[in-house]
Amino acid sequence: MTALLEKALAEISKLPPPQQEEVAAWLLAELTDEGHWATSFANSQPTLDALADEALAEHRAALTEPLDPDRL
């Protein structure tokens, strides 16, 4: 465990139990969510590669037009 994490846990331990529970629930949710996103992005790489290849091919074939932010 890192020193920073130990310091954070020491500060959390000073909180009343209900607040400790809230912090723990929040942290676990964040860790779970982060794992979900990491998995989703890892599994989407082939699709992203294919979409990028398609966009580049369309650009090379002059099938694209410049983006005009004022028209969005």
N, C-alpha and C. Protein backbone atom coordinates (compact mmCIF):
# COMPACT_ATOMS: atom_id res chain seq x y z
N MET A 1 0.85 -1.18 0.00
CA MET A 1 0.00 0.00 0.00
C MET A 1 0.90 1.23 0.00
N THR A 2 0.52 2.22 -0.78
CA THR A 2 1.33 3.43 -0.85
C THR A 2 1.11 4.32 0.37
N ALA A 3 2.05 5.22 0.58
CA ALA A 3 1.95 6.14 1.72
C ALA A 3 0.73 7.05 1.58
N LEU A 4 0.44 7.47 0.36
CA LEU A 4 -0.71 8.34 0.15
C LEU A 4 -2.01 7.62 0.47
N LEU A 5 -2.12 6.37 0.06
CA LEU A 5 -3.33 5.61 0.37
C LEU A 5 -3.44 5.37 1.87
N GLU A 6 -2.33 5.08 2.52
CA GLU A 6 -2.35 4.91 3.97
C GLU A 6 -2.82 6.19 4.66
N LYS A 7 -2.35 7.34 4.17
CA LYS A 7 -2.75 8.62 4.75
C LYS A 7 -4.25 8.84 4.56
N ALA A 8 -4.74 8.54 3.36
CA ALA A 8 -6.18 8.71 3.08
C ALA A 8 -7.00 7.82 3.99
N LEU A 9 -6.59 6.57 4.15
CA LEU A 9 -7.34 5.65 5.01
C LEU A 9 -7.28 6.08 6.47
N ALA A 10 -6.15 6.64 6.88
CA ALA A 10 -6.04 7.14 8.26
C ALA A 10 -7.03 8.29 8.48
N GLU A 11 -7.16 9.16 7.50
CA GLU A 11 -8.11 10.27 7.62
C GLU A 11 -9.55 9.76 7.61
N ILE A 12 -9.82 8.79 6.76
CA ILE A 12 -11.17 8.22 6.69
C ILE A 12 -11.52 7.55 8.01
N SER A 13 -10.54 6.93 8.65
CA SER A 13 -10.82 6.24 9.92
C SER A 13 -11.22 7.20 11.03
N LYS A 14 -10.95 8.48 10.86
CA LYS A 14 -11.34 9.48 11.85
C LYS A 14 -12.79 9.92 11.69
N LEU A 15 -13.39 9.59 10.58
CA LEU A 15 -14.78 9.98 10.32
C LEU A 15 -15.74 9.10 11.12
N PRO A 16 -16.95 9.58 11.35
CA PRO A 16 -17.96 8.74 11.99
C PRO A 16 -18.28 7.55 11.08
N PRO A 17 -18.67 6.42 11.67
CA PRO A 17 -18.93 5.21 10.87
C PRO A 17 -19.86 5.41 9.66
N PRO A 18 -20.94 6.18 9.78
CA PRO A 18 -21.78 6.35 8.58
C PRO A 18 -21.03 7.01 7.42
N GLN A 19 -20.17 7.97 7.73
CA GLN A 19 -19.39 8.62 6.67
C GLN A 19 -18.32 7.68 6.13
N GLN A 20 -17.77 6.85 7.00
CA GLN A 20 -16.81 5.85 6.53
C GLN A 20 -17.48 4.91 5.53
N GLU A 21 -18.71 4.52 5.83
CA GLU A 21 -19.46 3.64 4.93
C GLU A 21 -19.70 4.32 3.59
N GLU A 22 -20.04 5.61 3.63
CA GLU A 22 -20.27 6.35 2.39
C GLU A 22 -19.01 6.41 1.54
N VAL A 23 -17.88 6.71 2.17
CA VAL A 23 -16.62 6.78 1.44
C VAL A 23 -16.27 5.42 0.87
N ALA A 24 -16.44 4.37 1.65
CA ALA A 24 -16.13 3.02 1.18
C ALA A 24 -17.02 2.64 0.00
N ALA A 25 -18.30 2.93 0.09
CA ALA A 25 -19.22 2.61 -1.00
C ALA A 25 -18.84 3.38 -2.26
N TRP A 26 -18.51 4.66 -2.09
CA TRP A 26 -18.11 5.48 -3.24
C TRP A 26 -16.84 4.93 -3.89
N LEU A 27 -15.84 4.60 -3.07
CA LEU A 27 -14.58 4.09 -3.59
C LEU A 27 -14.77 2.77 -4.33
N LEU A 28 -15.53 1.87 -3.75
CA LEU A 28 -15.78 0.59 -4.41
C LEU A 28 -16.53 0.78 -5.73
N ALA A 29 -17.48 1.69 -5.75
CA ALA A 29 -18.21 1.96 -6.99
C ALA A 29 -17.28 2.54 -8.05
N GLU A 30 -16.39 3.43 -7.64
CA GLU A 30 -15.43 4.02 -8.58
C GLU A 30 -14.51 2.95 -9.15
N LEU A 31 -14.01 2.08 -8.30
CA LEU A 31 -13.11 1.02 -8.76
C LEU A 31 -13.82 0.07 -9.71
N THR A 32 -15.05 -0.28 -9.39
CA THR A 32 -15.82 -1.17 -10.25
C THR A 32 -16.08 -0.50 -11.59
N ASP A 33 -16.48 0.76 -11.55
CA ASP A 33 -16.77 1.50 -12.78
C ASP A 33 -15.52 1.64 -13.63
N GLU A 34 -14.39 1.91 -13.02
CA GLU A 34 -13.13 2.05 -13.75
C GLU A 34 -12.77 0.74 -14.44
N GLY A 35 -12.98 -0.37 -13.75
CA GLY A 35 -12.72 -1.68 -14.35
C GLY A 35 -13.63 -1.94 -15.54
N HIS A 36 -14.89 -1.52 -15.40
CA HIS A 36 -15.85 -1.69 -16.49
C HIS A 36 -15.41 -0.91 -17.72
N TRP A 37 -15.00 0.35 -17.52
CA TRP A 37 -14.57 1.16 -18.65
C TRP A 37 -13.31 0.61 -19.28
N ALA A 38 -12.38 0.16 -18.48
CA ALA A 38 -11.14 -0.41 -19.02
C ALA A 38 -11.44 -1.62 -19.89
N THR A 39 -12.34 -2.48 -19.42
CA THR A 39 -12.73 -3.65 -20.20
C THR A 39 -13.45 -3.24 -21.48
N SER A 40 -14.35 -2.29 -21.37
CA SER A 40 -15.10 -1.84 -22.55
C SER A 40 -14.16 -1.26 -23.61
N PHE A 41 -13.23 -0.42 -23.18
CA PHE A 41 -12.31 0.18 -24.14
C PHE A 41 -11.38 -0.87 -24.73
N ALA A 42 -10.91 -1.81 -23.94
CA ALA A 42 -10.03 -2.85 -24.45
C ALA A 42 -10.74 -3.69 -25.50
N ASN A 43 -12.01 -4.00 -25.26
CA ASN A 43 -12.76 -4.83 -26.19
C ASN A 43 -13.20 -4.07 -27.43
N SER A 44 -13.19 -2.75 -27.39
CA SER A 44 -13.66 -1.97 -28.53
C SER A 44 -12.54 -1.58 -29.49
N GLN A 45 -11.30 -1.90 -29.17
CA GLN A 45 -10.19 -1.47 -30.02
C GLN A 45 -10.31 -1.94 -31.46
N PRO A 46 -10.66 -3.20 -31.74
CA PRO A 46 -10.81 -3.60 -33.15
C PRO A 46 -11.87 -2.79 -33.89
N THR A 47 -12.97 -2.48 -33.22
CA THR A 47 -14.02 -1.67 -33.85
C THR A 47 -13.52 -0.26 -34.11
N LEU A 48 -12.82 0.32 -33.14
CA LEU A 48 -12.27 1.67 -33.33
C LEU A 48 -11.27 1.70 -34.48
N ASP A 49 -10.44 0.66 -34.58
CA ASP A 49 -9.47 0.58 -35.68
C ASP A 49 -10.19 0.53 -37.02
N ALA A 50 -11.24 -0.27 -37.12
CA ALA A 50 -11.99 -0.39 -38.37
C ALA A 50 -12.65 0.93 -38.74
N LEU A 51 -13.23 1.61 -37.76
CA LEU A 51 -13.86 2.91 -38.03
C LEU A 51 -12.83 3.95 -38.47
N ALA A 52 -11.66 3.93 -37.86
CA ALA A 52 -10.61 4.87 -38.25
C ALA A 52 -10.14 4.59 -39.67
N ASP A 53 -9.96 3.31 -40.01
CA ASP A 53 -9.57 2.94 -41.37
C ASP A 53 -10.61 3.40 -42.38
N GLU A 54 -11.88 3.22 -42.04
CA GLU A 54 -12.97 3.63 -42.92
C GLU A 54 -12.97 5.15 -43.12
N ALA A 55 -12.78 5.89 -42.04
CA ALA A 55 -12.75 7.35 -42.13
C ALA A 55 -11.57 7.83 -42.97
N LEU A 56 -10.41 7.21 -42.80
CA LEU A 56 -9.25 7.60 -43.60
C LEU A 56 -9.47 7.29 -45.07
N ALA A 57 -10.07 6.15 -45.36
CA ALA A 57 -10.35 5.78 -46.76
C ALA A 57 -11.31 6.78 -47.38
N GLU A 58 -12.34 7.18 -46.65
CA GLU A 58 -13.29 8.17 -47.16
C GLU A 58 -12.60 9.51 -47.40
N HIS A 59 -11.70 9.88 -46.49
CA HIS A 59 -10.97 11.14 -46.65
C HIS A 59 -10.09 11.09 -47.90
N ARG A 60 -9.36 9.99 -48.07
CA ARG A 60 -8.49 9.85 -49.24
C ARG A 60 -9.28 9.86 -50.54
N ALA A 61 -10.51 9.36 -50.50
CA ALA A 61 -11.36 9.32 -51.69
C ALA A 61 -12.13 10.63 -51.87
N ALA A 62 -11.82 11.63 -51.08
CA ALA A 62 -12.47 12.95 -51.15
C ALA A 62 -13.97 12.86 -50.89
N LEU A 63 -14.37 11.97 -50.01
CA LEU A 63 -15.78 11.81 -49.67
C LEU A 63 -16.14 12.52 -48.37
N THR A 64 -15.20 13.29 -47.85
CA THR A 64 -15.45 14.02 -46.60
C THR A 64 -15.45 15.51 -46.88
N GLU A 65 -15.95 16.26 -45.94
CA GLU A 65 -15.93 17.72 -46.06
C GLU A 65 -15.46 18.31 -44.74
N PRO A 66 -14.86 19.49 -44.79
CA PRO A 66 -14.37 20.12 -43.55
C PRO A 66 -15.51 20.35 -42.56
N LEU A 67 -15.19 20.23 -41.31
CA LEU A 67 -16.17 20.48 -40.26
C LEU A 67 -16.28 21.98 -40.04
N ASP A 68 -17.50 22.46 -40.06
CA ASP A 68 -17.77 23.87 -39.79
C ASP A 68 -18.51 23.95 -38.45
N PRO A 69 -17.80 24.30 -37.37
CA PRO A 69 -18.43 24.33 -36.05
C PRO A 69 -19.65 25.25 -35.98
N ASP A 70 -19.68 26.28 -36.82
CA ASP A 70 -20.82 27.19 -36.80
C ASP A 70 -22.09 26.55 -37.33
N ARG A 71 -21.95 25.46 -38.06
CA ARG A 71 -23.12 24.77 -38.62
C ARG A 71 -23.62 23.64 -37.73
N LEU A 72 -22.97 23.43 -36.61
CA LEU A 72 -23.39 22.33 -35.73
C LEU A 72 -24.62 22.68 -34.95
